[in-house]
Amino acid sequence: MRSRQREHPGLEEGPMRPDTIQELVRGDVITPEAPDYDAARAVFNGMIDRRPSAVVRAVDAADVMAVVSFAADEGLPLAVRGGGHSVPGYGVCDDGLVLDLSAIRNVRVDPQERTVRVGGGAVLADQDHATHAYGLATPAGFFSTTGVAGLTLGGGISAYLGREHGMTCDNLLSADVVTARGERVTARADQHPDLFWALRGGGGNFGVVTALEFRLHPVSTLVAGPMLFAPEGTADVISFYDRYMQEAPRPLGGFLAIDRAPPLPFIPEDRHGEPVCIVVASWNGDPSHADRILNPIRSSGPLVAEHVEEIPYPALQTAFDDLLPSGTRQYWKSDWVDEISPEDAVVYADHGTKVPNALSTTHLYPVNGAVHDVAEDATAFAVRDARFSAVIVGGWEDPADDEEHVAWVRDYYEAIHARSGHAGGYTNFAAADDEARVRDNFGPAYTRLAEIKARWDPDNLFRRNQNVKPAE
């Protein structure tokens, strides 16, 4: 990357010195000598072990502008971290700067306009807590520790609200962005529309998002929870779920999983630790209609346990946090799925019920309904014809088990990918070795993304992501 010469007050020639970058920001600068350095550089995936020259905890947009300019001028690698949930570990780098946004997590709700403004370092728990006070929400992921910005930039599958209200990026109204030139701009439909288009699914390729504004929808208490089926019924449940979710009312959300049953009170003890097929259902309609909508799912296989009840939306969003603890070793693969034939369902069941432990799983997220209402070229998230997003999650604790768990994920993926109908997968579920799939992951949006990248980041400063190379 070419280094751009720019004058900085107090910035001396030569290698980066900790006190130099500290002079430019109000936030903390954490270097390898600091006692909290190891904690500061740690990310969600315990397999990632990188040593940056400094972690800068920005406290405002001015800090972000200073760090971006400094990294560009000095030719330093730059990693941007919001929630830190990136499985490939994009939020940390070796021998460069980590721009940590976790202190920028303010949330402000406008209940009259039904909008929310969220800081670039906020996680879903911050947003859901603030909006729930007004009986409102915007579609988002389903782990409360996920970063709002990173989720949105990758598109944002919403397990519970997506069929009714679309992707997270479909509800984005504006974004404040610090560009590769160290300048802050606001992108929205009528201002920098090319950048606004790219931010809605194009990943972190175009700048650092310091604030986001979303449209909100009436969401308060849902009828939701898991239904667990015996493993021998997995293929039948999958086939039914595929058919049912095509025509189900849009307020019905949720996902299908193949997992090991956790030791929870509502699950029979003889099932604890055993493979099970799980449908996590969520109904955002009239509660009196819930049984009519959910009973067909209950009858789709040998039901062994369930825990479906009326539950506040934020509580539903945190219900599965313990199943994805930070610091465990993670390897994921993802696919888009057009349809699941009975033969395909058997393949899913055969591999899924071999799930190696309780930290590993398979999820099928419906991505139809309102997601399909949006034109393919309306946003950079351009996969508007798939019925499901499939993700295979390998999670474990002991490095000695790396080979076994990575092999389970890869074997499973190879078995289903030929049947998926798509070349790429969801960028937010990408694996560390998915760089060769970037063009396929962005699909028909890639060429336009590369052109926009050339205008906003021609030197590819923001390259620690599912990277779109600037068009030549």
Protein backbone atom coordinates (compact mmCIF):
# COMPACT_ATOMS: atom_id res chain seq x y z
CA MET A 1 0.00 0.00 0.00
CA ARG A 2 1.27 3.44 -0.88
CA SER A 3 1.93 5.67 2.11
CA ARG A 4 0.28 9.09 1.91
CA GLN A 5 2.22 11.96 3.39
CA ARG A 6 0.19 14.07 5.79
CA GLU A 7 1.18 16.36 8.61
CA HIS A 8 0.11 15.31 12.11
CA PRO A 9 0.76 17.47 15.16
CA GLY A 10 3.32 15.66 17.28
CA LEU A 11 3.87 12.87 14.75
CA GLU A 12 7.57 12.21 14.25
CA GLU A 13 9.30 10.44 11.38
CA GLY A 14 10.30 6.82 11.81
CA PRO A 15 8.70 3.76 13.35
CA MET A 16 5.48 3.96 15.29
CA ARG A 17 6.01 4.77 18.96
CA PRO A 18 3.27 4.15 21.54
CA ASP A 19 3.36 7.71 22.83
CA THR A 20 2.95 9.04 19.27
CA ILE A 21 -0.39 7.41 18.59
CA GLN A 22 -1.48 8.23 22.14
CA GLU A 23 -0.99 11.90 21.38
CA LEU A 24 -3.62 11.63 18.65
CA VAL A 25 -6.44 9.91 20.54
CA ARG A 26 -8.37 10.19 23.79
CA GLY A 27 -8.86 6.46 24.15
CA ASP A 28 -6.41 3.96 25.65
CA VAL A 29 -3.48 2.68 23.63
CA ILE A 30 -2.53 -0.82 24.75
CA THR A 31 0.90 -2.11 23.72
CA PRO A 32 2.65 -5.47 24.26
CA GLU A 33 4.19 -4.25 27.52
CA ALA A 34 0.80 -3.52 29.10
CA PRO A 35 -0.59 -6.05 31.62
CA ASP A 36 -3.93 -6.19 29.79
CA TYR A 37 -2.40 -6.64 26.32
CA ASP A 38 -3.35 -10.32 25.97
CA ALA A 39 -6.94 -9.61 26.94
CA ALA A 40 -7.06 -6.63 24.58
CA ARG A 41 -5.88 -8.62 21.56
CA ALA A 42 -8.11 -11.64 22.22
CA VAL A 43 -11.09 -12.22 19.94
CA PHE A 44 -14.06 -14.58 19.94
CA ASN A 45 -12.24 -17.46 18.18
CA GLY A 46 -9.63 -19.01 20.47
CA MET A 47 -7.72 -20.33 17.46
CA ILE A 48 -6.68 -16.78 16.55
CA ASP A 49 -3.38 -15.72 18.15
CA ARG A 50 -2.10 -12.47 16.62
CA ARG A 51 0.11 -9.82 18.14
CA PRO A 52 -0.63 -6.24 17.04
CA SER A 53 1.76 -3.38 17.74
CA ALA A 54 -1.05 -1.64 19.60
CA VAL A 55 -4.75 -1.90 20.36
CA VAL A 56 -6.43 1.50 20.32
CA ARG A 57 -9.74 1.72 22.17
CA ALA A 58 -11.40 4.61 20.40
CA VAL A 59 -13.92 6.62 22.38
CA ASP A 60 -15.39 8.68 19.54
CA ALA A 61 -15.33 9.31 15.80
CA ALA A 62 -12.40 11.71 16.17
CA ASP A 63 -10.28 8.88 17.60
CA VAL A 64 -11.30 6.68 14.69
CA MET A 65 -10.33 9.35 12.17
CA ALA A 66 -6.92 9.76 13.82
CA VAL A 67 -6.18 6.03 13.88
CA VAL A 68 -7.23 5.47 10.29
CA SER A 69 -5.12 8.40 9.08
CA PHE A 70 -2.14 7.24 11.14
CA ALA A 71 -2.33 3.67 9.83
CA ALA A 72 -2.60 4.87 6.24
CA ASP A 73 0.25 7.36 6.53
CA GLU A 74 2.57 4.86 8.21
CA GLY A 75 1.64 1.95 5.96
CA LEU A 76 0.55 -0.12 8.96
CA PRO A 77 -1.83 -3.08 8.86
CA LEU A 78 -5.19 -2.05 10.31
CA ALA A 79 -7.79 -4.34 11.86
CA VAL A 80 -11.18 -2.96 12.88
CA ARG A 81 -13.08 -4.60 15.72
CA GLY A 82 -16.68 -4.03 16.69
CA GLY A 83 -18.19 -6.96 18.57
CA GLY A 84 -15.16 -9.15 17.85
CA HIS A 85 -17.31 -12.10 16.68
CA SER A 86 -15.49 -12.64 13.37
CA VAL A 87 -14.65 -16.36 13.23
CA PRO A 88 -11.67 -15.76 10.88
CA GLY A 89 -10.36 -13.23 13.41
CA TYR A 90 -10.56 -10.15 11.18
CA GLY A 91 -10.67 -7.97 14.31
CA VAL A 92 -6.97 -8.44 15.10
CA CYS A 93 -3.73 -8.40 13.09
CA ASP A 94 -0.01 -8.96 13.50
CA ASP A 95 2.40 -5.99 13.66
CA GLY A 96 -0.20 -3.32 13.07
CA LEU A 97 -3.02 -1.40 14.74
CA VAL A 98 -6.24 -2.81 16.10
CA LEU A 99 -8.96 -0.17 16.12
CA ASP A 100 -11.27 -1.35 18.91
CA LEU A 101 -14.71 0.30 18.82
CA SER A 102 -16.13 -1.40 21.90
CA ALA A 103 -16.34 1.87 23.86
CA ILE A 104 -18.54 3.47 21.17
CA ARG A 105 -21.76 1.67 22.08
CA ASN A 106 -24.27 4.43 22.72
CA VAL A 107 -27.89 3.75 21.67
CA ARG A 108 -30.63 6.35 21.19
CA VAL A 109 -34.23 5.46 20.31
CA ASP A 110 -36.72 7.80 18.64
CA PRO A 111 -40.05 6.09 19.41
CA GLN A 112 -42.10 8.59 17.38
CA GLU A 113 -40.11 8.03 14.20
CA ARG A 114 -39.49 4.38 15.10
CA THR A 115 -35.76 4.65 14.54
CA VAL A 116 -32.68 3.84 16.59
CA ARG A 117 -29.15 5.23 16.33
CA VAL A 118 -26.43 2.83 17.46
CA GLY A 119 -22.71 3.31 18.04
CA GLY A 120 -20.27 1.34 15.90
CA GLY A 121 -19.07 -0.75 18.86
CA ALA A 122 -22.51 -1.70 20.19
CA VAL A 123 -23.58 -5.32 20.44
CA LEU A 124 -27.09 -6.67 19.97
CA ALA A 125 -27.73 -6.72 23.71
CA ASP A 126 -27.19 -2.94 23.84
CA GLN A 127 -29.61 -2.31 20.99
CA ASP A 128 -32.27 -4.80 22.09
CA HIS A 129 -32.31 -3.48 25.66
CA ALA A 130 -32.86 0.10 24.50
CA THR A 131 -35.49 -0.59 21.86
CA HIS A 132 -37.47 -3.11 23.94
CA ALA A 133 -38.39 -0.36 26.40
CA TYR A 134 -40.59 1.05 23.60
CA GLY A 135 -41.90 -2.29 22.32
CA LEU A 136 -39.73 -2.01 19.21
CA ALA A 137 -36.92 -3.94 17.53
CA THR A 138 -35.04 -4.24 14.27
CA PRO A 139 -34.16 -7.59 12.65
CA ALA A 140 -30.78 -8.84 13.84
CA GLY A 141 -28.85 -11.99 14.72
CA PHE A 142 -29.61 -14.16 17.71
CA PHE A 143 -26.49 -14.07 19.89
CA SER A 144 -26.62 -10.95 22.04
CA THR A 145 -22.82 -10.52 21.99
CA THR A 146 -22.71 -10.06 18.21
CA GLY A 147 -21.56 -6.64 17.01
CA VAL A 148 -24.32 -4.61 15.37
CA ALA A 149 -22.05 -3.01 12.76
CA GLY A 150 -20.33 -6.18 11.60
CA LEU A 151 -23.63 -8.04 11.39
CA THR A 152 -25.18 -5.27 9.30
CA LEU A 153 -22.24 -4.86 6.94
CA GLY A 154 -22.44 -8.55 6.08
CA GLY A 155 -26.18 -8.37 5.45
CA GLY A 156 -27.58 -9.49 8.79
CA ILE A 157 -29.68 -12.67 8.89
CA SER A 158 -32.37 -12.36 11.54
CA ALA A 159 -33.54 -15.77 12.74
CA TYR A 160 -36.65 -14.47 14.47
CA LEU A 161 -37.73 -11.37 12.53
CA GLY A 162 -36.20 -11.76 9.08
CA ARG A 163 -39.12 -13.44 7.33
CA GLU A 164 -41.37 -10.61 8.50
CA HIS A 165 -39.05 -7.59 8.27
CA GLY A 166 -36.07 -8.55 6.11
CA MET A 167 -32.33 -8.51 6.63
CA THR A 168 -30.68 -6.16 9.10
CA CYS A 169 -29.18 -4.21 6.20
CA ASP A 170 -32.65 -3.79 4.67
CA ASN A 171 -33.57 -1.74 7.74
CA LEU A 172 -30.45 0.46 7.70
CA LEU A 173 -31.37 4.12 7.10
CA SER A 174 -27.95 5.76 7.37
CA ALA A 175 -24.39 5.16 8.51
CA ASP A 176 -21.55 7.43 9.65
CA VAL A 177 -18.34 6.18 8.04
CA VAL A 178 -14.69 7.10 8.46
CA THR A 179 -13.14 6.59 5.05
CA ALA A 180 -9.63 5.55 4.07
CA ARG A 181 -8.75 9.24 3.82
CA GLY A 182 -9.54 9.69 7.52
CA GLU A 183 -12.66 11.71 6.76
CA ARG A 184 -16.11 11.14 8.24
CA VAL A 185 -19.08 11.04 5.90
CA THR A 186 -22.74 10.07 6.31
CA ALA A 187 -24.11 7.60 3.79
CA ARG A 188 -27.81 7.21 3.12
CA ALA A 189 -30.12 6.78 0.16
CA ASP A 190 -29.81 10.43 -0.92
CA GLN A 191 -26.22 11.07 0.18
CA HIS A 192 -23.26 9.04 -1.10
CA PRO A 193 -25.73 6.45 -2.44
CA ASP A 194 -22.98 4.25 -3.90
CA LEU A 195 -21.35 3.92 -0.49
CA PHE A 196 -24.73 3.35 1.16
CA TRP A 197 -25.44 0.55 -1.33
CA ALA A 198 -22.06 -1.06 -0.65
CA LEU A 199 -22.39 -0.92 3.13
CA ARG A 200 -25.55 -3.02 3.01
CA GLY A 201 -23.86 -6.38 2.52
CA GLY A 202 -20.40 -5.47 1.23
CA GLY A 203 -18.64 -6.01 4.56
CA GLY A 204 -15.98 -3.81 6.12
CA ASN A 205 -14.33 -2.99 2.80
CA PHE A 206 -15.26 0.67 2.58
CA GLY A 207 -14.52 2.32 5.90
CA VAL A 208 -15.07 2.23 9.64
CA VAL A 209 -18.71 2.61 10.63
CA THR A 210 -18.99 4.69 13.80
CA ALA A 211 -22.79 4.98 13.94
CA LEU A 212 -25.80 3.32 12.33
CA GLU A 213 -29.46 4.32 12.12
CA PHE A 214 -32.15 1.66 11.73
CA ARG A 215 -35.86 1.44 11.12
CA LEU A 216 -37.75 -0.19 14.02
CA HIS A 217 -40.84 -2.43 14.09
CA PRO A 218 -43.37 -3.32 16.79
CA VAL A 219 -41.85 -6.31 18.61
CA SER A 220 -42.25 -7.02 22.30
CA THR A 221 -43.14 -10.53 23.52
CA LEU A 222 -43.04 -13.56 21.24
CA VAL A 223 -44.21 -17.15 21.65
CA ALA A 224 -40.94 -18.97 21.17
CA GLY A 225 -38.61 -21.72 22.21
CA PRO A 226 -37.03 -25.04 21.21
CA MET A 227 -38.73 -28.29 20.20
CA LEU A 228 -36.42 -31.33 20.40
CA PHE A 229 -36.84 -34.42 18.25
CA ALA A 230 -35.21 -37.84 18.51
CA PRO A 231 -32.27 -38.26 16.09
CA GLU A 232 -33.96 -41.01 14.06
CA GLY A 233 -36.56 -38.46 12.96
CA THR A 234 -34.06 -35.82 11.82
CA ALA A 235 -34.44 -36.31 8.06
CA ASP A 236 -38.26 -36.23 8.29
CA VAL A 237 -38.22 -33.07 10.42
CA ILE A 238 -35.84 -31.35 7.98
CA SER A 239 -38.00 -32.28 4.98
CA PHE A 240 -41.13 -31.02 6.72
CA TYR A 241 -39.44 -27.80 7.83
CA ASP A 242 -38.31 -27.09 4.27
CA ARG A 243 -41.88 -27.43 2.97
CA TYR A 244 -43.59 -25.68 5.85
CA MET A 245 -41.42 -22.58 5.90
CA GLN A 246 -42.13 -21.90 2.23
CA GLU A 247 -45.76 -21.00 2.94
CA ALA A 248 -45.81 -20.29 6.68
CA PRO A 249 -47.10 -16.87 7.82
CA ARG A 250 -44.29 -14.33 7.92
CA PRO A 251 -44.47 -13.70 11.68
CA LEU A 252 -43.17 -17.27 12.10
CA GLY A 253 -39.40 -17.23 12.48
CA GLY A 254 -36.73 -19.37 14.05
CA PHE A 255 -34.28 -21.96 12.76
CA LEU A 256 -33.54 -25.68 12.63
CA ALA A 257 -30.49 -27.13 14.37
CA ILE A 258 -28.81 -30.48 14.83
CA ASP A 259 -27.05 -30.49 18.16
CA ARG A 260 -26.37 -32.42 21.33
CA ALA A 261 -29.05 -32.00 23.95
CA PRO A 262 -27.89 -29.77 26.82
CA PRO A 263 -28.53 -30.80 30.43
CA LEU A 264 -31.59 -28.61 30.94
CA PRO A 265 -34.48 -29.45 33.31
CA PHE A 266 -37.13 -29.75 30.58
CA ILE A 267 -35.09 -32.36 28.67
CA PRO A 268 -35.25 -36.00 29.86
CA GLU A 269 -31.98 -37.00 31.51
CA ASP A 270 -31.48 -39.95 29.17
CA ARG A 271 -31.32 -37.47 26.28
CA HIS A 272 -28.65 -35.25 27.81
CA GLY A 273 -25.59 -35.18 25.56
CA GLU A 274 -27.32 -37.17 22.83
CA PRO A 275 -27.76 -35.88 19.24
CA VAL A 276 -31.13 -34.23 18.67
CA CYS A 277 -32.86 -32.30 15.93
CA ILE A 278 -34.12 -28.97 17.26
CA VAL A 279 -36.59 -26.53 15.79
CA VAL A 280 -36.39 -23.19 17.57
CA ALA A 281 -39.66 -21.52 16.64
CA SER A 282 -40.68 -17.90 17.22
CA TRP A 283 -44.15 -16.48 16.61
CA ASN A 284 -44.50 -12.69 16.49
CA GLY A 285 -48.22 -12.76 15.74
CA ASP A 286 -51.31 -13.02 17.92
CA PRO A 287 -50.34 -15.36 20.81
CA SER A 288 -53.75 -17.06 20.63
CA HIS A 289 -52.81 -18.34 17.16
CA ALA A 290 -49.45 -19.77 18.23
CA ASP A 291 -50.54 -23.38 18.77
CA ARG A 292 -52.30 -23.49 15.41
CA ILE A 293 -49.06 -22.36 13.74
CA LEU A 294 -46.67 -24.46 15.83
CA ASN A 295 -48.59 -27.75 16.13
CA PRO A 296 -47.66 -28.92 12.62
CA ILE A 297 -43.98 -28.58 13.56
CA ARG A 298 -44.57 -30.52 16.78
CA SER A 299 -46.10 -33.34 14.72
CA SER A 300 -43.28 -33.51 12.17
CA GLY A 301 -41.20 -36.06 14.09
CA PRO A 302 -40.73 -37.92 17.38
CA LEU A 303 -40.92 -35.02 19.84
CA VAL A 304 -38.96 -35.70 23.03
CA ALA A 305 -39.06 -32.29 24.75
CA GLU A 306 -40.02 -28.66 24.24
CA HIS A 307 -39.88 -25.36 26.06
CA VAL A 308 -42.11 -22.95 24.14
CA GLU A 309 -43.52 -19.98 26.03
CA GLU A 310 -44.21 -16.27 25.82
CA ILE A 311 -40.87 -14.55 26.15
CA PRO A 312 -39.63 -10.95 25.83
CA TYR A 313 -37.62 -10.42 22.67
CA PRO A 314 -34.34 -9.50 24.47
CA ALA A 315 -34.59 -12.68 26.56
CA LEU A 316 -35.03 -14.74 23.39
CA GLN A 317 -31.99 -13.01 21.89
CA THR A 318 -29.82 -14.06 24.86
CA ALA A 319 -31.23 -17.57 25.27
CA PHE A 320 -28.42 -19.32 23.42
CA ASP A 321 -25.43 -17.17 24.38
CA ASP A 322 -23.96 -19.88 26.60
CA LEU A 323 -23.77 -22.27 23.64
CA LEU A 324 -21.23 -20.04 21.88
CA PRO A 325 -18.75 -18.93 24.56
CA SER A 326 -15.98 -16.54 23.61
CA GLY A 327 -12.49 -18.01 23.59
CA THR A 328 -13.39 -21.50 22.40
CA ARG A 329 -11.82 -22.79 19.21
CA GLN A 330 -14.07 -22.23 16.19
CA TYR A 331 -14.18 -23.38 12.57
CA TRP A 332 -17.28 -22.71 10.43
CA LYS A 333 -18.45 -23.27 6.86
CA SER A 334 -21.58 -21.85 5.27
CA ASP A 335 -23.79 -22.38 2.26
CA TRP A 336 -26.90 -20.98 0.64
CA VAL A 337 -29.58 -23.58 -0.02
CA ASP A 338 -32.30 -23.43 -2.67
CA GLU A 339 -34.26 -26.48 -1.58
CA ILE A 340 -33.84 -29.62 0.49
CA SER A 341 -34.97 -32.81 -1.23
CA PRO A 342 -35.68 -35.94 0.83
CA GLU A 343 -32.29 -37.24 -0.29
CA ASP A 344 -30.63 -33.99 0.81
CA ALA A 345 -32.35 -34.25 4.20
CA VAL A 346 -30.79 -37.68 4.72
CA VAL A 347 -27.33 -36.23 4.01
CA TYR A 348 -27.90 -33.43 6.54
CA ALA A 349 -29.12 -35.94 9.10
CA ASP A 350 -26.29 -38.44 8.57
CA HIS A 351 -23.57 -35.81 9.05
CA GLY A 352 -25.40 -33.66 11.56
CA THR A 353 -26.13 -36.43 14.03
CA LYS A 354 -22.39 -37.13 14.15
CA VAL A 355 -22.00 -33.71 15.83
CA PRO A 356 -18.87 -34.16 17.98
CA ASN A 357 -19.83 -32.18 21.11
CA ALA A 358 -22.22 -29.65 22.62
CA LEU A 359 -20.23 -26.67 21.26
CA SER A 360 -20.70 -27.81 17.66
CA THR A 361 -23.92 -27.60 15.66
CA THR A 362 -25.64 -27.20 12.31
CA HIS A 363 -28.18 -24.43 11.72
CA LEU A 364 -30.61 -23.84 8.86
CA TYR A 365 -31.96 -20.27 8.81
CA PRO A 366 -34.96 -19.47 6.60
CA VAL A 367 -34.19 -16.46 4.39
CA ASN A 368 -37.41 -16.10 2.44
CA GLY A 369 -40.46 -13.93 3.02
CA ALA A 370 -39.52 -10.26 3.32
CA VAL A 371 -35.91 -11.03 2.34
CA HIS A 372 -37.18 -12.03 -1.11
CA ASP A 373 -39.22 -8.83 -1.47
CA VAL A 374 -36.03 -6.80 -2.02
CA ALA A 375 -34.58 -6.67 -5.53
CA GLU A 376 -31.27 -8.45 -6.07
CA ASP A 377 -29.51 -5.24 -7.09
CA ALA A 378 -31.03 -3.01 -4.38
CA THR A 379 -28.23 -3.72 -1.88
CA ALA A 380 -24.80 -5.30 -1.90
CA PHE A 381 -26.39 -8.26 -0.15
CA ALA A 382 -27.50 -9.81 -3.41
CA VAL A 383 -28.47 -13.41 -2.59
CA ARG A 384 -32.22 -12.85 -2.67
CA ASP A 385 -33.33 -16.21 -4.07
CA ALA A 386 -32.04 -18.77 -1.54
CA ARG A 387 -34.48 -20.40 0.87
CA PHE A 388 -31.99 -21.16 3.66
CA SER A 389 -28.60 -20.18 4.95
CA ALA A 390 -26.81 -23.24 6.28
CA VAL A 391 -23.93 -22.96 8.72
CA ILE A 392 -21.87 -25.79 10.15
CA VAL A 393 -20.21 -24.76 13.40
CA GLY A 394 -17.28 -26.61 14.87
CA GLY A 395 -16.56 -25.51 18.43
CA TRP A 396 -14.18 -27.13 20.92
CA GLU A 397 -11.66 -26.32 23.66
CA ASP A 398 -8.59 -28.56 23.33
CA PRO A 399 -6.09 -27.76 20.53
CA ALA A 400 -5.39 -31.48 20.31
CA ASP A 401 -8.90 -31.87 18.86
CA ASP A 402 -8.38 -29.40 16.01
CA GLU A 403 -8.00 -31.97 13.24
CA GLU A 404 -11.07 -33.98 14.27
CA HIS A 405 -13.41 -31.00 14.46
CA VAL A 406 -12.20 -29.24 11.33
CA ALA A 407 -12.58 -32.52 9.43
CA TRP A 408 -16.18 -32.93 10.64
CA VAL A 409 -17.07 -29.44 9.39
CA ARG A 410 -15.32 -29.87 6.04
CA ASP A 411 -16.72 -33.33 5.36
CA TYR A 412 -20.22 -32.13 6.18
CA TYR A 413 -19.82 -29.05 3.99
CA GLU A 414 -18.49 -31.03 1.03
CA ALA A 415 -21.42 -33.42 1.28
CA ILE A 416 -24.07 -30.68 1.15
CA HIS A 417 -22.41 -28.06 -1.04
CA ALA A 418 -22.83 -29.95 -4.30
CA ARG A 419 -26.57 -30.03 -3.55
CA SER A 420 -26.97 -26.40 -2.47
CA GLY A 421 -27.56 -24.70 -5.81
CA HIS A 422 -25.13 -21.86 -4.95
CA ALA A 423 -21.40 -21.33 -5.31
CA GLY A 424 -20.99 -19.05 -2.29
CA GLY A 425 -22.16 -18.70 1.30
CA TYR A 426 -23.04 -16.02 3.83
CA THR A 427 -20.01 -13.80 4.44
CA ASN A 428 -20.71 -13.41 8.17
CA PHE A 429 -20.34 -17.19 8.55
CA ALA A 430 -17.16 -17.47 6.47
CA ALA A 431 -14.19 -19.56 7.55
CA ALA A 432 -10.58 -18.41 7.76
CA ASP A 433 -9.73 -20.39 4.63
CA ASP A 434 -12.59 -18.99 2.52
CA GLU A 435 -10.59 -16.28 0.74
CA ALA A 436 -10.93 -18.18 -2.53
CA ARG A 437 -14.73 -17.96 -2.21
CA VAL A 438 -14.98 -14.18 -1.78
CA ARG A 439 -16.23 -13.49 -5.30
CA ASP A 440 -18.76 -16.30 -5.00
CA ASN A 441 -19.85 -15.13 -1.55
CA PHE A 442 -20.72 -11.67 -2.86
CA GLY A 443 -22.27 -13.15 -5.98
CA PRO A 444 -23.68 -10.73 -8.58
CA ALA A 445 -22.72 -7.71 -6.43
CA TYR A 446 -18.97 -8.30 -6.65
CA THR A 447 -18.18 -6.29 -9.82
CA ARG A 448 -20.00 -3.18 -8.59
CA LEU A 449 -18.42 -3.56 -5.14
CA ALA A 450 -14.96 -3.60 -6.71
CA GLU A 451 -15.73 -0.39 -8.59
CA ILE A 452 -16.97 1.33 -5.43
CA LYS A 453 -13.95 0.04 -3.54
CA ALA A 454 -11.67 1.69 -6.10
CA ARG A 455 -13.34 5.04 -5.40
CA TRP A 456 -13.45 4.86 -1.61
CA ASP A 457 -10.41 2.75 -0.72
CA PRO A 458 -8.10 2.51 -3.76
CA ASP A 459 -5.11 1.38 -1.67
CA ASN A 460 -7.13 -1.36 0.06
CA LEU A 461 -6.41 -0.12 3.57
CA PHE A 462 -9.52 -1.98 4.78
CA ARG A 463 -8.49 -5.45 3.71
CA ARG A 464 -8.87 -7.56 6.85
CA ASN A 465 -12.30 -8.84 5.90
CA GLN A 466 -13.94 -10.79 3.11
CA ASN A 467 -11.84 -8.58 0.91
CA VAL A 468 -13.03 -6.99 -2.30
CA LYS A 469 -10.04 -5.87 -4.34
CA PRO A 470 -10.29 -2.38 -5.91
CA ALA A 471 -11.17 -2.52 -9.59
CA GLU A 472 -8.27 -1.52 -11.83
